[in-house]
Amino acid sequence: MKSAYELAMERLEKENPSGPKLGDEQKKELAEIDNRYQAKIAERRILAENERKQAASHSELEEIEARAREDVRRLEAERDEKKDAVRQGGPA
């Protein structure tokens, strides 16, 4: 599943193609980054689900959910930064 950022970037690229085309190695590296971060995000969501089951109160449940959302946002931002670096020709 693609993030809103990735979808917007794809639309933007279709409307105004600029920059160099990605090579096979860059495409492979982008796919690896996606796979790695999909796994990290899935792992975080599973952990949060286990924590939710053990929550003793409503406030504890809200705290767990907020922390999980923030962790997922952080991982998505990290993933997008690494993908941008690859697109710009730098190391991920």
N, C-alpha and C. Protein backbone atom coordinates (compact mmCIF):
# COMPACT_ATOMS: atom_id res chain seq x y z
N MET A 1 0.85 -1.16 0.00
CA MET A 1 0.00 0.00 0.00
C MET A 1 0.90 1.23 0.00
N LYS A 2 0.57 2.21 -0.84
CA LYS A 2 1.38 3.41 -0.96
C LYS A 2 0.85 4.50 -0.03
N SER A 3 1.79 5.31 0.44
CA SER A 3 1.39 6.43 1.29
C SER A 3 0.82 7.55 0.44
N ALA A 4 0.13 8.47 1.08
CA ALA A 4 -0.44 9.61 0.37
C ALA A 4 0.69 10.41 -0.30
N TYR A 5 1.82 10.49 0.36
CA TYR A 5 2.97 11.20 -0.20
C TYR A 5 3.41 10.56 -1.51
N GLU A 6 3.53 9.24 -1.52
CA GLU A 6 3.96 8.53 -2.73
C GLU A 6 2.96 8.71 -3.86
N LEU A 7 1.68 8.63 -3.55
CA LEU A 7 0.66 8.82 -4.57
C LEU A 7 0.71 10.23 -5.15
N ALA A 8 0.89 11.22 -4.29
CA ALA A 8 0.99 12.60 -4.75
C ALA A 8 2.22 12.79 -5.63
N MET A 9 3.33 12.19 -5.23
CA MET A 9 4.56 12.31 -6.02
C MET A 9 4.39 11.65 -7.39
N GLU A 10 3.69 10.53 -7.44
CA GLU A 10 3.44 9.87 -8.73
C GLU A 10 2.59 10.74 -9.64
N ARG A 11 1.53 11.34 -9.07
CA ARG A 11 0.68 12.22 -9.86
C ARG A 11 1.46 13.42 -10.37
N LEU A 12 2.28 13.98 -9.51
CA LEU A 12 3.09 15.13 -9.87
C LEU A 12 4.06 14.78 -11.00
N GLU A 13 4.67 13.60 -10.90
CA GLU A 13 5.61 13.16 -11.92
C GLU A 13 4.91 12.94 -13.26
N LYS A 14 3.68 12.43 -13.23
CA LYS A 14 2.94 12.22 -14.47
C LYS A 14 2.60 13.55 -15.13
N GLU A 15 2.23 14.54 -14.31
CA GLU A 15 1.85 15.84 -14.84
C GLU A 15 3.05 16.62 -15.36
N ASN A 16 4.17 16.50 -14.69
CA ASN A 16 5.34 17.30 -15.03
C ASN A 16 6.59 16.43 -14.89
N PRO A 17 6.83 15.58 -15.88
CA PRO A 17 7.99 14.69 -15.76
C PRO A 17 9.29 15.48 -15.73
N SER A 18 10.04 15.27 -14.71
CA SER A 18 11.33 15.93 -14.59
C SER A 18 12.28 14.98 -13.91
N GLY A 19 13.52 15.28 -13.99
CA GLY A 19 14.51 14.44 -13.33
C GLY A 19 14.80 13.20 -14.13
N PRO A 20 15.86 12.55 -13.77
CA PRO A 20 16.28 11.35 -14.50
C PRO A 20 15.38 10.17 -14.20
N LYS A 21 15.30 9.27 -15.15
CA LYS A 21 14.56 8.03 -14.95
C LYS A 21 15.37 7.14 -14.01
N LEU A 22 14.67 6.33 -13.25
CA LEU A 22 15.34 5.46 -12.30
C LEU A 22 15.89 4.23 -13.01
N GLY A 23 17.08 3.85 -12.61
CA GLY A 23 17.69 2.65 -13.15
C GLY A 23 17.19 1.42 -12.42
N ASP A 24 17.54 0.26 -12.94
CA ASP A 24 17.10 -0.99 -12.34
C ASP A 24 17.58 -1.13 -10.90
N GLU A 25 18.82 -0.71 -10.64
CA GLU A 25 19.38 -0.83 -9.29
C GLU A 25 18.62 0.08 -8.32
N GLN A 26 18.28 1.28 -8.77
CA GLN A 26 17.52 2.20 -7.91
C GLN A 26 16.12 1.64 -7.64
N LYS A 27 15.48 1.09 -8.65
CA LYS A 27 14.16 0.50 -8.47
C LYS A 27 14.21 -0.65 -7.48
N LYS A 28 15.26 -1.45 -7.59
CA LYS A 28 15.43 -2.58 -6.68
C LYS A 28 15.64 -2.07 -5.25
N GLU A 29 16.44 -1.04 -5.10
CA GLU A 29 16.69 -0.48 -3.77
C GLU A 29 15.42 0.14 -3.18
N LEU A 30 14.63 0.81 -4.02
CA LEU A 30 13.36 1.38 -3.55
C LEU A 30 12.41 0.27 -3.08
N ALA A 31 12.36 -0.82 -3.81
CA ALA A 31 11.50 -1.94 -3.44
C ALA A 31 11.97 -2.57 -2.12
N GLU A 32 13.28 -2.66 -1.94
CA GLU A 32 13.83 -3.21 -0.70
C GLU A 32 13.47 -2.31 0.49
N ILE A 33 13.57 -1.01 0.29
CA ILE A 33 13.21 -0.06 1.34
C ILE A 33 11.74 -0.23 1.69
N ASP A 34 10.88 -0.30 0.67
CA ASP A 34 9.44 -0.50 0.91
C ASP A 34 9.19 -1.77 1.71
N ASN A 35 9.81 -2.86 1.30
CA ASN A 35 9.61 -4.13 1.98
C ASN A 35 10.07 -4.07 3.44
N ARG A 36 11.25 -3.48 3.64
CA ARG A 36 11.79 -3.38 4.99
C ARG A 36 10.86 -2.58 5.90
N TYR A 37 10.37 -1.46 5.40
CA TYR A 37 9.52 -0.61 6.24
C TYR A 37 8.10 -1.15 6.38
N GLN A 38 7.61 -1.87 5.38
CA GLN A 38 6.31 -2.53 5.55
C GLN A 38 6.40 -3.53 6.68
N ALA A 39 7.51 -4.25 6.76
CA ALA A 39 7.69 -5.23 7.83
C ALA A 39 7.78 -4.54 9.19
N LYS A 40 8.53 -3.44 9.26
CA LYS A 40 8.67 -2.71 10.52
C LYS A 40 7.32 -2.16 10.99
N ILE A 41 6.56 -1.62 10.06
CA ILE A 41 5.25 -1.05 10.40
C ILE A 41 4.29 -2.16 10.84
N ALA A 42 4.30 -3.27 10.13
CA ALA A 42 3.44 -4.40 10.52
C ALA A 42 3.83 -4.91 11.91
N GLU A 43 5.11 -4.99 12.17
CA GLU A 43 5.58 -5.43 13.48
C GLU A 43 5.10 -4.48 14.58
N ARG A 44 5.17 -3.18 14.31
CA ARG A 44 4.74 -2.20 15.30
C ARG A 44 3.23 -2.30 15.56
N ARG A 45 2.47 -2.52 14.49
CA ARG A 45 1.01 -2.65 14.65
C ARG A 45 0.64 -3.91 15.43
N ILE A 46 1.35 -4.99 15.20
CA ILE A 46 1.11 -6.23 15.96
C ILE A 46 1.45 -6.01 17.42
N LEU A 47 2.56 -5.37 17.69
CA LEU A 47 2.94 -5.07 19.06
C LEU A 47 1.87 -4.21 19.74
N ALA A 48 1.37 -3.20 19.03
CA ALA A 48 0.34 -2.34 19.59
C ALA A 48 -0.94 -3.13 19.88
N GLU A 49 -1.28 -4.04 19.01
CA GLU A 49 -2.48 -4.86 19.22
C GLU A 49 -2.33 -5.70 20.49
N ASN A 50 -1.15 -6.27 20.68
CA ASN A 50 -0.90 -7.05 21.90
C ASN A 50 -0.97 -6.16 23.14
N GLU A 51 -0.44 -4.95 23.04
CA GLU A 51 -0.50 -4.01 24.16
C GLU A 51 -1.94 -3.60 24.45
N ARG A 52 -2.74 -3.41 23.40
CA ARG A 52 -4.15 -3.04 23.58
C ARG A 52 -4.91 -4.11 24.37
N LYS A 53 -4.62 -5.36 24.08
CA LYS A 53 -5.29 -6.46 24.77
C LYS A 53 -4.98 -6.47 26.26
N GLN A 54 -3.83 -5.94 26.61
CA GLN A 54 -3.41 -5.95 28.01
C GLN A 54 -3.70 -4.63 28.73
N ALA A 55 -4.25 -3.67 28.02
CA ALA A 55 -4.52 -2.37 28.63
C ALA A 55 -5.53 -2.51 29.77
N ALA A 56 -5.22 -1.83 30.86
CA ALA A 56 -6.07 -1.94 32.05
C ALA A 56 -7.13 -0.85 32.10
N SER A 57 -6.91 0.24 31.39
CA SER A 57 -7.87 1.35 31.45
C SER A 57 -8.01 2.01 30.09
N HIS A 58 -9.03 2.83 29.99
CA HIS A 58 -9.27 3.56 28.75
C HIS A 58 -8.12 4.53 28.45
N SER A 59 -7.62 5.20 29.47
CA SER A 59 -6.52 6.15 29.25
C SER A 59 -5.24 5.43 28.82
N GLU A 60 -5.00 4.26 29.36
CA GLU A 60 -3.84 3.47 28.95
C GLU A 60 -3.99 3.03 27.50
N LEU A 61 -5.21 2.66 27.11
CA LEU A 61 -5.49 2.27 25.74
C LEU A 61 -5.23 3.43 24.78
N GLU A 62 -5.69 4.61 25.13
CA GLU A 62 -5.47 5.79 24.29
C GLU A 62 -3.98 6.11 24.15
N GLU A 63 -3.24 5.95 25.25
CA GLU A 63 -1.80 6.20 25.21
C GLU A 63 -1.10 5.21 24.29
N ILE A 64 -1.48 3.95 24.36
CA ILE A 64 -0.90 2.92 23.50
C ILE A 64 -1.19 3.24 22.03
N GLU A 65 -2.42 3.60 21.73
CA GLU A 65 -2.80 3.91 20.34
C GLU A 65 -2.06 5.14 19.83
N ALA A 66 -1.92 6.16 20.66
CA ALA A 66 -1.22 7.38 20.25
C ALA A 66 0.25 7.07 19.98
N ARG A 67 0.85 6.28 20.85
CA ARG A 67 2.26 5.92 20.67
C ARG A 67 2.45 5.10 19.40
N ALA A 68 1.53 4.19 19.13
CA ALA A 68 1.61 3.37 17.93
C ALA A 68 1.46 4.22 16.67
N ARG A 69 0.50 5.14 16.68
CA ARG A 69 0.33 6.04 15.52
C ARG A 69 1.59 6.86 15.27
N GLU A 70 2.18 7.38 16.33
CA GLU A 70 3.39 8.19 16.18
C GLU A 70 4.55 7.35 15.65
N ASP A 71 4.67 6.13 16.14
CA ASP A 71 5.73 5.24 15.66
C ASP A 71 5.54 4.94 14.17
N VAL A 72 4.31 4.68 13.75
CA VAL A 72 4.05 4.39 12.34
C VAL A 72 4.36 5.62 11.50
N ARG A 73 3.94 6.81 11.95
CA ARG A 73 4.26 8.05 11.21
C ARG A 73 5.76 8.25 11.09
N ARG A 74 6.49 7.99 12.17
CA ARG A 74 7.94 8.15 12.16
C ARG A 74 8.58 7.17 11.17
N LEU A 75 8.12 5.93 11.17
CA LEU A 75 8.66 4.94 10.24
C LEU A 75 8.35 5.31 8.79
N GLU A 76 7.14 5.81 8.53
CA GLU A 76 6.78 6.22 7.16
C GLU A 76 7.65 7.39 6.71
N ALA A 77 7.88 8.34 7.60
CA ALA A 77 8.72 9.50 7.25
C ALA A 77 10.15 9.05 6.98
N GLU A 78 10.65 8.15 7.82
CA GLU A 78 12.00 7.61 7.65
C GLU A 78 12.11 6.89 6.30
N ARG A 79 11.11 6.09 5.99
CA ARG A 79 11.08 5.37 4.71
C ARG A 79 11.09 6.34 3.54
N ASP A 80 10.25 7.37 3.61
CA ASP A 80 10.16 8.35 2.52
C ASP A 80 11.47 9.11 2.34
N GLU A 81 12.15 9.43 3.45
CA GLU A 81 13.44 10.11 3.35
C GLU A 81 14.47 9.22 2.65
N LYS A 82 14.48 7.95 3.00
CA LYS A 82 15.43 7.03 2.37
C LYS A 82 15.13 6.85 0.89
N LYS A 83 13.85 6.78 0.55
CA LYS A 83 13.49 6.64 -0.86
C LYS A 83 13.84 7.89 -1.64
N ASP A 84 13.65 9.07 -1.04
CA ASP A 84 14.03 10.32 -1.70
C ASP A 84 15.53 10.36 -1.94
N ALA A 85 16.30 9.88 -0.97
CA ALA A 85 17.75 9.86 -1.12
C ALA A 85 18.15 8.97 -2.31
N VAL A 86 17.50 7.83 -2.45
CA VAL A 86 17.80 6.93 -3.57
C VAL A 86 17.42 7.61 -4.88
N ARG A 87 16.27 8.27 -4.91
CA ARG A 87 15.84 8.96 -6.14
C ARG A 87 16.80 10.08 -6.53
N GLN A 88 17.40 10.70 -5.52
CA GLN A 88 18.35 11.79 -5.79
C GLN A 88 19.74 11.26 -6.12
N GLY A 89 19.92 9.96 -6.03
CA GLY A 89 21.20 9.35 -6.39
C GLY A 89 22.13 9.12 -5.22
N GLY A 90 21.66 9.38 -4.02
CA GLY A 90 22.51 9.18 -2.83
C GLY A 90 22.25 7.83 -2.20
N PRO A 91 22.97 7.53 -1.13
CA PRO A 91 22.77 6.26 -0.42
C PRO A 91 21.50 6.30 0.41
N ALA A 92 20.90 5.15 0.61
CA ALA A 92 19.66 5.08 1.39
C ALA A 92 19.94 5.05 2.86
